[in-house]
Amino acid sequence: MEKDLDKVIEEIMATPNVSGCLVADYQGLCLAATGDVHVDSAGIIVAISEQACKLEPNLKPPTVCLETDKRQCLIQRHGTITGAIYKLKA
């Protein structure tokens, strides 16, 4: 599984304007982080995703987009894994 995760993260990081990527389990434990991300934010990212899922519990998990002047953070949950992709604004 670790090799598969590393491959996915490599592909994400090769995408234009992506500055970082973080993957966490359902308990907020950081499974992988690369680029300009804070490992300590894994728990918060999972909590944001969990709260967003409560808005429409019968639908697939939503994608949450947090924006600042310089970056976007896209958060998506898939099963028990939550990922965050950090992108520079163009």
PDB file of N, CA and C in Angstrom:
ATOM      1  N   MET A   1       0.819  -1.190   0.000  1.00  0.00           N
ATOM      2  CA  MET A   1       0.000   0.000   0.000  1.00  0.00           C
ATOM      3  C   MET A   1       0.866   1.259   0.000  1.00  0.00           C
ATOM      4  N   GLU A   2       1.993   1.201   0.704  1.00  0.00           N
ATOM      5  CA  GLU A   2       2.849   2.377   0.805  1.00  0.00           C
ATOM      6  C   GLU A   2       3.380   2.796  -0.561  1.00  0.00           C
ATOM      7  N   LYS A   3       3.741   1.821  -1.395  1.00  0.00           N
ATOM      8  CA  LYS A   3       4.231   2.144  -2.733  1.00  0.00           C
ATOM      9  C   LYS A   3       3.141   2.781  -3.571  1.00  0.00           C
ATOM     10  N   ASP A   4       1.904   2.277  -3.445  1.00  0.00           N
ATOM     11  CA  ASP A   4       0.784   2.860  -4.181  1.00  0.00           C
ATOM     12  C   ASP A   4       0.553   4.302  -3.748  1.00  0.00           C
ATOM     13  N   LEU A   5       0.608   4.546  -2.452  1.00  0.00           N
ATOM     14  CA  LEU A   5       0.410   5.895  -1.917  1.00  0.00           C
ATOM     15  C   LEU A   5       1.508   6.829  -2.410  1.00  0.00           C
ATOM     16  N   ASP A   6       2.739   6.364  -2.396  1.00  0.00           N
ATOM     17  CA  ASP A   6       3.858   7.177  -2.880  1.00  0.00           C
ATOM     18  C   ASP A   6       3.682   7.527  -4.355  1.00  0.00           C
ATOM     19  N   LYS A   7       3.202   6.571  -5.140  1.00  0.00           N
ATOM     20  CA  LYS A   7       2.996   6.802  -6.572  1.00  0.00           C
ATOM     21  C   LYS A   7       1.918   7.862  -6.795  1.00  0.00           C
ATOM     22  N   VAL A   8       0.817   7.774  -6.057  1.00  0.00           N
ATOM     23  CA  VAL A   8      -0.266   8.751  -6.181  1.00  0.00           C
ATOM     24  C   VAL A   8       0.230  10.142  -5.791  1.00  0.00           C
ATOM     25  N   ILE A   9       0.985  10.234  -4.714  1.00  0.00           N
ATOM     26  CA  ILE A   9       1.499  11.525  -4.266  1.00  0.00           C
ATOM     27  C   ILE A   9       2.460  12.108  -5.302  1.00  0.00           C
ATOM     28  N   GLU A  10       3.293  11.272  -5.910  1.00  0.00           N
ATOM     29  CA  GLU A  10       4.189  11.741  -6.970  1.00  0.00           C
ATOM     30  C   GLU A  10       3.394  12.331  -8.129  1.00  0.00           C
ATOM     31  N   GLU A  11       2.318  11.654  -8.525  1.00  0.00           N
ATOM     32  CA  GLU A  11       1.486  12.133  -9.628  1.00  0.00           C
ATOM     33  C   GLU A  11       0.825  13.465  -9.278  1.00  0.00           C
ATOM     34  N   ILE A  12       0.334  13.572  -8.048  1.00  0.00           N
ATOM     35  CA  ILE A  12      -0.304  14.819  -7.613  1.00  0.00           C
ATOM     36  C   ILE A  12       0.712  15.955  -7.609  1.00  0.00           C
ATOM     37  N   MET A  13       1.892  15.714  -7.082  1.00  0.00           N
ATOM     38  CA  MET A  13       2.909  16.753  -6.993  1.00  0.00           C
ATOM     39  C   MET A  13       3.427  17.183  -8.366  1.00  0.00           C
ATOM     40  N   ALA A  14       3.278  16.323  -9.378  1.00  0.00           N
ATOM     41  CA  ALA A  14       3.705  16.663 -10.737  1.00  0.00           C
ATOM     42  C   ALA A  14       2.691  17.564 -11.450  1.00  0.00           C
ATOM     43  N   THR A  15       1.519  17.744 -10.856  1.00  0.00           N
ATOM     44  CA  THR A  15       0.482  18.594 -11.438  1.00  0.00           C
ATOM     45  C   THR A  15       0.883  20.061 -11.294  1.00  0.00           C
ATOM     46  N   PRO A  16       0.683  20.862 -12.351  1.00  0.00           N
ATOM     47  CA  PRO A  16       1.045  22.283 -12.261  1.00  0.00           C
ATOM     48  C   PRO A  16       0.354  22.993 -11.095  1.00  0.00           C
ATOM     49  N   ASN A  17       1.069  23.895 -10.466  1.00  0.00           N
ATOM     50  CA  ASN A  17       0.606  24.746  -9.359  1.00  0.00           C
ATOM     51  C   ASN A  17       0.382  24.015  -8.042  1.00  0.00           C
ATOM     52  N   VAL A  18       0.628  22.713  -7.966  1.00  0.00           N
ATOM     53  CA  VAL A  18       0.486  21.994  -6.695  1.00  0.00           C
ATOM     54  C   VAL A  18       1.753  22.230  -5.874  1.00  0.00           C
ATOM     55  N   SER A  19       1.558  22.714  -4.645  1.00  0.00           N
ATOM     56  CA  SER A  19       2.705  23.007  -3.781  1.00  0.00           C
ATOM     57  C   SER A  19       2.856  22.025  -2.626  1.00  0.00           C
ATOM     58  N   GLY A  20       1.823  21.184  -2.405  1.00  0.00           N
ATOM     59  CA  GLY A  20       1.914  20.221  -1.319  1.00  0.00           C
ATOM     60  C   GLY A  20       0.759  19.249  -1.304  1.00  0.00           C
ATOM     61  N   CYS A  21       0.959  18.155  -0.583  1.00  0.00           N
ATOM     62  CA  CYS A  21      -0.058  17.108  -0.505  1.00  0.00           C
ATOM     63  C   CYS A  21       0.056  16.431   0.863  1.00  0.00           C
ATOM     64  N   LEU A  22      -1.091  16.146   1.459  1.00  0.00           N
ATOM     65  CA  LEU A  22      -1.130  15.479   2.754  1.00  0.00           C
ATOM     66  C   LEU A  22      -2.212  14.419   2.729  1.00  0.00           C
ATOM     67  N   VAL A  23      -1.917  13.249   3.301  1.00  0.00           N
ATOM     68  CA  VAL A  23      -2.883  12.159   3.388  1.00  0.00           C
ATOM     69  C   VAL A  23      -2.938  11.706   4.845  1.00  0.00           C
ATOM     70  N   ALA A  24      -4.165  11.542   5.368  1.00  0.00           N
ATOM     71  CA  ALA A  24      -4.340  11.154   6.772  1.00  0.00           C
ATOM     72  C   ALA A  24      -5.391  10.053   6.890  1.00  0.00           C
ATOM     73  N   ASP A  25      -5.297   9.266   7.967  1.00  0.00           N
ATOM     74  CA  ASP A  25      -6.308   8.239   8.209  1.00  0.00           C
ATOM     75  C   ASP A  25      -7.500   8.847   8.959  1.00  0.00           C
ATOM     76  N   TYR A  26      -8.494   8.031   9.260  1.00  0.00           N
ATOM     77  CA  TYR A  26      -9.734   8.518   9.876  1.00  0.00           C
ATOM     78  C   TYR A  26      -9.539   9.100  11.267  1.00  0.00           C
ATOM     79  N   GLN A  27      -8.414   8.790  11.905  1.00  0.00           N
ATOM     80  CA  GLN A  27      -8.136   9.317  13.245  1.00  0.00           C
ATOM     81  C   GLN A  27      -7.294  10.595  13.204  1.00  0.00           C
ATOM     82  N   GLY A  28      -6.936  11.039  12.007  1.00  0.00           N
ATOM     83  CA  GLY A  28      -6.126  12.240  11.879  1.00  0.00           C
ATOM     84  C   GLY A  28      -4.633  11.988  11.899  1.00  0.00           C
ATOM     85  N   LEU A  29      -4.228  10.723  11.807  1.00  0.00           N
ATOM     86  CA  LEU A  29      -2.807  10.380  11.759  1.00  0.00           C
ATOM     87  C   LEU A  29      -2.290  10.631  10.356  1.00  0.00           C
ATOM     88  N   CYS A  30      -1.240  11.415  10.240  1.00  0.00           N
ATOM     89  CA  CYS A  30      -0.661  11.731   8.942  1.00  0.00           C
ATOM     90  C   CYS A  30       0.029  10.488   8.380  1.00  0.00           C
ATOM     91  N   LEU A  31      -0.423  10.037   7.210  1.00  0.00           N
ATOM     92  CA  LEU A  31       0.166   8.879   6.550  1.00  0.00           C
ATOM     93  C   LEU A  31       1.272   9.285   5.585  1.00  0.00           C
ATOM     94  N   ALA A  32       1.122  10.466   4.995  1.00  0.00           N
ATOM     95  CA  ALA A  32       2.127  10.987   4.066  1.00  0.00           C
ATOM     96  C   ALA A  32       1.947  12.481   3.934  1.00  0.00           C
ATOM     97  N   ALA A  33       3.057  13.179   3.758  1.00  0.00           N
ATOM     98  CA  ALA A  33       3.016  14.623   3.539  1.00  0.00           C
ATOM     99  C   ALA A  33       4.245  15.008   2.737  1.00  0.00           C
ATOM    100  N   THR A  34       4.045  15.843   1.748  1.00  0.00           N
ATOM    101  CA  THR A  34       5.164  16.311   0.944  1.00  0.00           C
ATOM    102  C   THR A  34       4.892  17.728   0.470  1.00  0.00           C
ATOM    103  N   GLY A  35       5.959  18.449   0.221  1.00  0.00           N
ATOM    104  CA  GLY A  35       5.814  19.822  -0.237  1.00  0.00           C
ATOM    105  C   GLY A  35       5.583  20.782   0.920  1.00  0.00           C
ATOM    106  N   ASP A  36       4.925  21.884   0.598  1.00  0.00           N
ATOM    107  CA  ASP A  36       4.706  22.962   1.562  1.00  0.00           C
ATOM    108  C   ASP A  36       3.436  22.707   2.377  1.00  0.00           C
ATOM    109  N   VAL A  37       3.506  21.729   3.284  1.00  0.00           N
ATOM    110  CA  VAL A  37       2.375  21.395   4.152  1.00  0.00           C
ATOM    111  C   VAL A  37       2.864  21.241   5.580  1.00  0.00           C
ATOM    112  N   HIS A  38       1.953  21.361   6.529  1.00  0.00           N
ATOM    113  CA  HIS A  38       2.268  21.164   7.939  1.00  0.00           C
ATOM    114  C   HIS A  38       1.675  19.828   8.380  1.00  0.00           C
ATOM    115  N   VAL A  39       2.513  18.913   8.801  1.00  0.00           N
ATOM    116  CA  VAL A  39       2.070  17.596   9.255  1.00  0.00           C
ATOM    117  C   VAL A  39       1.072  17.723  10.396  1.00  0.00           C
ATOM    118  N   ASP A  40       1.236  18.744  11.228  1.00  0.00           N
ATOM    119  CA  ASP A  40       0.358  18.953  12.376  1.00  0.00           C
ATOM    120  C   ASP A  40      -1.080  19.267  11.971  1.00  0.00           C
ATOM    121  N   SER A  41      -1.305  19.628  10.722  1.00  0.00           N
ATOM    122  CA  SER A  41      -2.659  19.975  10.284  1.00  0.00           C
ATOM    123  C   SER A  41      -3.493  18.753   9.883  1.00  0.00           C
ATOM    124  N   ALA A  42      -2.924  17.555   9.924  1.00  0.00           N
ATOM    125  CA  ALA A  42      -3.643  16.343   9.500  1.00  0.00           C
ATOM    126  C   ALA A  42      -4.955  16.157  10.268  1.00  0.00           C
ATOM    127  N   GLY A  43      -4.932  16.315  11.565  1.00  0.00           N
ATOM    128  CA  GLY A  43      -6.134  16.135  12.377  1.00  0.00           C
ATOM    129  C   GLY A  43      -7.209  17.153  12.049  1.00  0.00           C
ATOM    130  N   ILE A  44      -6.795  18.384  11.823  1.00  0.00           N
ATOM    131  CA  ILE A  44      -7.749  19.437  11.488  1.00  0.00           C
ATOM    132  C   ILE A  44      -8.373  19.181  10.123  1.00  0.00           C
ATOM    133  N   ILE A  45      -7.560  18.725   9.178  1.00  0.00           N
ATOM    134  CA  ILE A  45      -8.063  18.422   7.834  1.00  0.00           C
ATOM    135  C   ILE A  45      -9.114  17.323   7.892  1.00  0.00           C
ATOM    136  N   VAL A  46      -8.856  16.281   8.659  1.00  0.00           N
ATOM    137  CA  VAL A  46      -9.833  15.194   8.805  1.00  0.00           C
ATOM    138  C   VAL A  46     -11.102  15.704   9.476  1.00  0.00           C
ATOM    139  N   ALA A  47     -10.963  16.535  10.502  1.00  0.00           N
ATOM    140  CA  ALA A  47     -12.133  17.083  11.206  1.00  0.00           C
ATOM    141  C   ALA A  47     -12.981  17.955  10.281  1.00  0.00           C
ATOM    142  N   ILE A  48     -12.342  18.769   9.444  1.00  0.00           N
ATOM    143  CA  ILE A  48     -13.085  19.602   8.490  1.00  0.00           C
ATOM    144  C   ILE A  48     -13.876  18.720   7.534  1.00  0.00           C
ATOM    145  N   SER A  49     -13.244  17.671   7.040  1.00  0.00           N
ATOM    146  CA  SER A  49     -13.918  16.759   6.119  1.00  0.00           C
ATOM    147  C   SER A  49     -15.109  16.071   6.795  1.00  0.00           C
ATOM    148  N   GLU A  50     -14.927  15.632   8.032  1.00  0.00           N
ATOM    149  CA  GLU A  50     -16.017  14.974   8.767  1.00  0.00           C
ATOM    150  C   GLU A  50     -17.202  15.908   8.959  1.00  0.00           C
ATOM    151  N   GLN A  51     -16.925  17.149   9.308  1.00  0.00           N
ATOM    152  CA  GLN A  51     -18.009  18.108   9.512  1.00  0.00           C
ATOM    153  C   GLN A  51     -18.728  18.407   8.203  1.00  0.00           C
ATOM    154  N   ALA A  52     -17.980  18.529   7.108  1.00  0.00           N
ATOM    155  CA  ALA A  52     -18.597  18.791   5.803  1.00  0.00           C
ATOM    156  C   ALA A  52     -19.487  17.615   5.384  1.00  0.00           C
ATOM    157  N   CYS A  53     -19.111  16.406   5.732  1.00  0.00           N
ATOM    158  CA  CYS A  53     -19.914  15.219   5.392  1.00  0.00           C
ATOM    159  C   CYS A  53     -21.262  15.230   6.107  1.00  0.00           C
ATOM    160  N   LYS A  54     -21.346  15.888   7.246  1.00  0.00           N
ATOM    161  CA  LYS A  54     -22.600  15.949   8.003  1.00  0.00           C
ATOM    162  C   LYS A  54     -23.647  16.839   7.333  1.00  0.00           C
ATOM    163  N   LEU A  55     -23.209  17.708   6.407  1.00  0.00           N
ATOM    164  CA  LEU A  55     -24.156  18.585   5.722  1.00  0.00           C
ATOM    165  C   LEU A  55     -25.115  17.796   4.837  1.00  0.00           C
ATOM    166  N   GLU A  56     -24.606  16.794   4.154  1.00  0.00           N
ATOM    167  CA  GLU A  56     -25.415  15.931   3.287  1.00  0.00           C
ATOM    168  C   GLU A  56     -24.981  14.485   3.514  1.00  0.00           C
ATOM    169  N   PRO A  57     -25.414  13.859   4.599  1.00  0.00           N
ATOM    170  CA  PRO A  57     -24.902  12.535   4.961  1.00  0.00           C
ATOM    171  C   PRO A  57     -25.246  11.417   3.975  1.00  0.00           C
ATOM    172  N   ASN A  58     -26.234  11.597   3.140  1.00  0.00           N
ATOM    173  CA  ASN A  58     -26.623  10.540   2.208  1.00  0.00           C
ATOM    174  C   ASN A  58     -25.926  10.632   0.859  1.00  0.00           C
ATOM    175  N   LEU A  59     -25.089  11.636   0.679  1.00  0.00           N
ATOM    176  CA  LEU A  59     -24.356  11.805  -0.570  1.00  0.00           C
ATOM    177  C   LEU A  59     -22.886  11.445  -0.374  1.00  0.00           C
ATOM    178  N   LYS A  60     -22.148  11.372  -1.485  1.00  0.00           N
ATOM    179  CA  LYS A  60     -20.715  11.107  -1.358  1.00  0.00           C
ATOM    180  C   LYS A  60     -20.048  12.280  -0.647  1.00  0.00           C
ATOM    181  N   PRO A  61     -18.910  12.042  -0.008  1.00  0.00           N
ATOM    182  CA  PRO A  61     -18.240  13.125   0.733  1.00  0.00           C
ATOM    183  C   PRO A  61     -17.931  14.315  -0.168  1.00  0.00           C
ATOM    184  N   PRO A  62     -18.190  15.526   0.303  1.00  0.00           N
ATOM    185  CA  PRO A  62     -17.936  16.715  -0.515  1.00  0.00           C
ATOM    186  C   PRO A  62     -16.447  17.059  -0.562  1.00  0.00           C
ATOM    187  N   THR A  63     -16.085  17.835  -1.558  1.00  0.00           N
ATOM    188  CA  THR A  63     -14.747  18.412  -1.624  1.00  0.00           C
ATOM    189  C   THR A  63     -14.824  19.784  -0.982  1.00  0.00           C
ATOM    190  N   VAL A  64     -13.947  20.034  -0.033  1.00  0.00           N
ATOM    191  CA  VAL A  64     -13.913  21.314   0.667  1.00  0.00           C
ATOM    192  C   VAL A  64     -12.749  22.125   0.094  1.00  0.00           C
ATOM    193  N   CYS A  65     -12.997  23.374  -0.223  1.00  0.00           N
ATOM    194  CA  CYS A  65     -11.957  24.260  -0.748  1.00  0.00           C
ATOM    195  C   CYS A  65     -11.777  25.433   0.204  1.00  0.00           C
ATOM    196  N   LEU A  66     -10.592  25.544   0.776  1.00  0.00           N
ATOM    197  CA  LEU A  66     -10.236  26.673   1.625  1.00  0.00           C
ATOM    198  C   LEU A  66      -9.282  27.547   0.819  1.00  0.00           C
ATOM    199  N   GLU A  67      -9.542  28.857   0.792  1.00  0.00           N
ATOM    200  CA  GLU A  67      -8.727  29.751  -0.023  1.00  0.00           C
ATOM    201  C   GLU A  67      -8.135  30.889   0.788  1.00  0.00           C
ATOM    202  N   THR A  68      -6.914  31.243   0.424  1.00  0.00           N
ATOM    203  CA  THR A  68      -6.286  32.464   0.901  1.00  0.00           C
ATOM    204  C   THR A  68      -5.923  33.286  -0.338  1.00  0.00           C
ATOM    205  N   ASP A  69      -5.252  34.383  -0.147  1.00  0.00           N
ATOM    206  CA  ASP A  69      -4.852  35.196  -1.294  1.00  0.00           C
ATOM    207  C   ASP A  69      -3.878  34.461  -2.209  1.00  0.00           C
ATOM    208  N   LYS A  70      -3.083  33.556  -1.626  1.00  0.00           N
ATOM    209  CA  LYS A  70      -2.016  32.916  -2.391  1.00  0.00           C
ATOM    210  C   LYS A  70      -2.244  31.438  -2.704  1.00  0.00           C
ATOM    211  N   ARG A  71      -3.040  30.749  -1.881  1.00  0.00           N
ATOM    212  CA  ARG A  71      -3.179  29.300  -2.066  1.00  0.00           C
ATOM    213  C   ARG A  71      -4.602  28.816  -1.880  1.00  0.00           C
ATOM    214  N   GLN A  72      -4.828  27.610  -2.359  1.00  0.00           N
ATOM    215  CA  GLN A  72      -6.075  26.874  -2.123  1.00  0.00           C
ATOM    216  C   GLN A  72      -5.703  25.559  -1.451  1.00  0.00           C
ATOM    217  N   CYS A  73      -6.569  25.088  -0.575  1.00  0.00           N
ATOM    218  CA  CYS A  73      -6.423  23.769   0.031  1.00  0.00           C
ATOM    219  C   CYS A  73      -7.697  22.996  -0.292  1.00  0.00           C
ATOM    220  N   LEU A  74      -7.555  21.946  -1.085  1.00  0.00           N
ATOM    221  CA  LEU A  74      -8.688  21.103  -1.464  1.00  0.00           C
ATOM    222  C   LEU A  74      -8.665  19.849  -0.606  1.00  0.00           C
ATOM    223  N   ILE A  75      -9.759  19.586   0.095  1.00  0.00           N
ATOM    224  CA  ILE A  75      -9.845  18.458   1.019  1.00  0.00           C
ATOM    225  C   ILE A  75     -10.926  17.502   0.523  1.00  0.00           C
ATOM    226  N   GLN A  76     -10.573  16.219   0.430  1.00  0.00           N
ATOM    227  CA  GLN A  76     -11.522  15.210  -0.049  1.00  0.00           C
ATOM    228  C   GLN A  76     -11.327  13.927   0.760  1.00  0.00           C
ATOM    229  N   ARG A  77     -12.421  13.332   1.177  1.00  0.00           N
ATOM    230  CA  ARG A  77     -12.380  12.060   1.896  1.00  0.00           C
ATOM    231  C   ARG A  77     -12.800  10.939   0.963  1.00  0.00           C
ATOM    232  N   HIS A  78     -12.110   9.823   1.059  1.00  0.00           N
ATOM    233  CA  HIS A  78     -12.462   8.631   0.292  1.00  0.00           C
ATOM    234  C   HIS A  78     -12.358   7.442   1.242  1.00  0.00           C
ATOM    235  N   GLY A  79     -13.492   6.936   1.677  1.00  0.00           N
ATOM    236  CA  GLY A  79     -13.490   5.852   2.662  1.00  0.00           C
ATOM    237  C   GLY A  79     -12.951   6.355   3.991  1.00  0.00           C
ATOM    238  N   THR A  80     -11.895   5.719   4.467  1.00  0.00           N
ATOM    239  CA  THR A  80     -11.310   6.114   5.752  1.00  0.00           C
ATOM    240  C   THR A  80     -10.086   7.013   5.582  1.00  0.00           C
ATOM    241  N   ILE A  81      -9.770   7.361   4.347  1.00  0.00           N
ATOM    242  CA  ILE A  81      -8.596   8.182   4.049  1.00  0.00           C
ATOM    243  C   ILE A  81      -9.040   9.577   3.605  1.00  0.00           C
ATOM    244  N   THR A  82      -8.370  10.591   4.123  1.00  0.00           N
ATOM    245  CA  THR A  82      -8.643  11.974   3.733  1.00  0.00           C
ATOM    246  C   THR A  82      -7.375  12.571   3.142  1.00  0.00           C
ATOM    247  N   GLY A  83      -7.540  13.264   2.023  1.00  0.00           N
ATOM    248  CA  GLY A  83      -6.394  13.896   1.371  1.00  0.00           C
ATOM    249  C   GLY A  83      -6.599  15.389   1.258  1.00  0.00           C
ATOM    250  N   ALA A  84      -5.493  16.103   1.284  1.00  0.00           N
ATOM    251  CA  ALA A  84      -5.507  17.553   1.083  1.00  0.00           C
ATOM    252  C   ALA A  84      -4.451  17.892   0.045  1.00  0.00           C
ATOM    253  N   ILE A  85      -4.852  18.677  -0.939  1.00  0.00           N
ATOM    254  CA  ILE A  85      -3.929  19.133  -1.972  1.00  0.00           C
ATOM    255  C   ILE A  85      -3.844  20.648  -1.862  1.00  0.00           C
ATOM    256  N   TYR A  86      -2.639  21.146  -1.775  1.00  0.00           N
ATOM    257  CA  TYR A  86      -2.395  22.580  -1.682  1.00  0.00           C
ATOM    258  C   TYR A  86      -1.961  23.078  -3.048  1.00  0.00           C
ATOM    259  N   LYS A  87      -2.664  24.083  -3.559  1.00  0.00           N
ATOM    260  CA  LYS A  87      -2.350  24.628  -4.880  1.00  0.00           C
ATOM    261  C   LYS A  87      -2.078  26.117  -4.770  1.00  0.00           C
ATOM    262  N   LEU A  88      -1.099  26.579  -5.547  1.00  0.00           N
ATOM    263  CA  LEU A  88      -0.838  28.009  -5.645  1.00  0.00           C
ATOM    264  C   LEU A  88      -1.876  28.609  -6.573  1.00  0.00           C
ATOM    265  N   LYS A  89      -2.375  29.790  -6.218  1.00  0.00           N
ATOM    266  CA  LYS A  89      -3.346  30.451  -7.090  1.00  0.00           C
ATOM    267  C   LYS A  89      -2.617  31.022  -8.294  1.00  0.00           C
ATOM    268  N   ALA A  90      -3.211  30.838  -9.448  1.00  0.00           N
ATOM    269  CA  ALA A  90      -2.582  31.322 -10.686  1.00  0.00           C
ATOM    270  C   ALA A  90      -2.862  32.790 -10.901  1.00  0.00           C
TER     271      ALA A  90
END
